[in-house]
Protein backbone atom coordinates (compact mmCIF):
# COMPACT_ATOMS: atom_id res chain seq x y z
CA UNK A 1 -1.23 23.12 83.37
CA UNK A 2 -2.63 26.66 83.45
CA UNK A 3 -5.63 27.48 81.33
CA UNK A 4 -5.85 30.18 78.68
CA UNK A 5 -7.77 32.40 81.09
CA UNK A 6 -5.01 32.12 83.73
CA UNK A 7 -2.43 33.10 81.09
CA UNK A 8 -4.47 36.19 80.29
CA UNK A 9 -4.68 37.15 83.96
CA UNK A 10 -1.02 36.35 84.79
CA UNK A 11 0.95 36.00 81.52
CA UNK A 12 4.21 34.95 83.18
CA UNK A 13 4.81 31.21 82.76
CA UNK A 14 6.81 29.68 85.67
CA UNK A 15 8.51 27.13 83.41
CA UNK A 16 9.80 29.89 81.16
CA UNK A 17 11.08 31.89 84.12
CA UNK A 18 12.94 28.81 85.38
CA UNK A 19 14.42 28.25 81.91
CA UNK A 20 15.55 31.88 81.71
CA UNK A 21 17.13 31.64 85.16
CA UNK A 22 19.03 28.47 84.21
CA UNK A 23 20.23 30.01 80.95
CA UNK A 24 21.49 33.12 82.73
CA UNK A 25 23.15 31.02 85.45
CA UNK A 26 24.94 28.89 82.84
CA UNK A 27 26.14 32.01 81.03
CA UNK A 28 27.44 33.51 84.27
CA UNK A 29 29.24 30.32 85.29
CA UNK A 30 30.88 29.99 81.88
CA UNK A 31 31.97 33.61 81.71
CA UNK A 32 33.27 33.48 85.29
CA UNK A 33 35.59 30.63 84.31
CA UNK A 34 36.71 32.44 81.17
CA UNK A 35 37.35 35.63 83.14
CA UNK A 36 39.30 33.61 85.72
CA UNK A 37 41.51 32.17 83.01
CA UNK A 38 42.05 35.65 81.57
CA UNK A 39 42.92 37.12 84.97
CA UNK A 40 45.38 34.29 85.64
CA UNK A 41 47.07 34.67 82.27
CA UNK A 42 47.30 38.43 82.75
CA UNK A 43 48.90 37.84 86.16
CA UNK A 44 46.39 39.90 88.11
CA UNK A 45 46.75 39.77 91.87
CA UNK A 46 44.69 40.79 94.88
CA UNK A 47 42.21 43.63 94.42
CA UNK A 48 42.90 44.09 90.73
CA UNK A 49 41.82 40.49 90.10
CA UNK A 50 38.56 40.93 91.98
CA UNK A 51 37.93 44.29 90.31
CA UNK A 52 38.50 42.59 86.94
CA UNK A 53 35.87 39.99 87.84
CA UNK A 54 33.26 42.47 89.06
CA UNK A 55 33.68 44.82 86.09
CA UNK A 56 33.45 42.10 83.47
CA UNK A 57 30.59 40.29 85.20
CA UNK A 58 28.57 43.50 85.30
CA UNK A 59 29.49 44.17 81.66
CA UNK A 60 28.31 40.67 80.69
CA UNK A 61 25.01 41.17 82.51
CA UNK A 62 24.46 44.56 80.84
CA UNK A 63 25.22 43.09 77.41
CA UNK A 64 22.85 40.17 78.05
CA UNK A 65 20.18 42.64 79.12
CA UNK A 66 20.74 44.87 76.09
CA UNK A 67 20.59 42.04 73.57
CA UNK A 68 18.03 39.67 75.07
CA UNK A 69 15.76 41.36 77.61
CA UNK A 70 15.51 45.05 76.76
CA UNK A 71 14.24 44.89 73.17
CA UNK A 72 11.10 42.91 73.98
CA UNK A 73 10.61 44.32 77.47
CA UNK A 74 10.62 47.92 76.25
CA UNK A 75 8.23 47.06 73.41
CA UNK A 76 5.83 45.63 76.00
CA UNK A 77 5.81 48.95 77.83
CA UNK A 78 7.91 48.04 80.87
CA UNK A 79 10.37 50.46 82.45
CA UNK A 80 14.00 50.59 81.35
CA UNK A 81 15.59 48.18 83.85
CA UNK A 82 12.53 46.05 84.62
CA UNK A 83 13.26 42.32 84.29
CA UNK A 84 10.12 41.02 86.00
CA UNK A 85 8.72 39.76 82.72
CA UNK A 86 11.52 37.17 82.40
CA UNK A 87 13.01 36.68 85.89
CA UNK A 88 11.69 36.33 89.44
CA UNK A 89 13.40 39.44 90.78
CA UNK A 90 15.67 42.21 89.64
CA UNK A 91 18.27 41.20 92.22
CA UNK A 92 18.44 37.72 90.70
CA UNK A 93 19.18 39.20 87.30
CA UNK A 94 21.50 42.11 88.13
CA UNK A 95 23.45 40.86 91.16
CA UNK A 96 22.94 37.10 91.26
CA UNK A 97 25.81 36.42 88.88
CA UNK A 98 28.28 38.36 91.00
CA UNK A 99 28.16 35.75 93.72
CA UNK A 100 27.16 32.61 91.83
CA UNK A 101 30.27 32.58 89.64
CA UNK A 102 32.78 33.82 92.19
CA UNK A 103 34.00 30.37 93.28
CA UNK A 104 34.55 29.25 89.69
CA UNK A 105 36.33 32.48 88.93
CA UNK A 106 38.74 32.10 91.85
CA UNK A 107 39.38 28.47 90.96
CA UNK A 108 40.33 29.17 87.34
CA UNK A 109 42.12 32.40 88.26
CA UNK A 110 44.48 30.63 90.66
CA UNK A 111 44.90 27.65 88.30
CA UNK A 112 45.96 29.73 85.32
CA UNK A 113 48.01 32.09 87.48
CA UNK A 114 49.92 29.09 88.80
CA UNK A 115 50.38 27.59 85.33
CA UNK A 116 51.63 30.80 83.76
CA UNK A 117 53.75 32.12 86.62
CA UNK A 118 55.27 28.81 87.79
């Protein structure tokens, strides 16, 4: 367990960063499945289905950033899109969800497309 002095030198707690990463991953997996169901029900095919996924995944990440990360990060004096206070890297936060939830999205997309269109 880190000491108080170590927290003053490096205030980022690894356990908290891991918790934040898991919470974001769970949110992205859940929304990917919901977006897949929506795309299947809407009957989206091919590129429009993938565009739907990418647009709404980016929108979800921006909303998560705006409601959870930005208010406290900006108060602490960090730059506008800096997530280093809560996550290991900016790539993990901004682009990690695009690829982590893709398999779940395709699975629910094809399932609901088949149920609605069959």
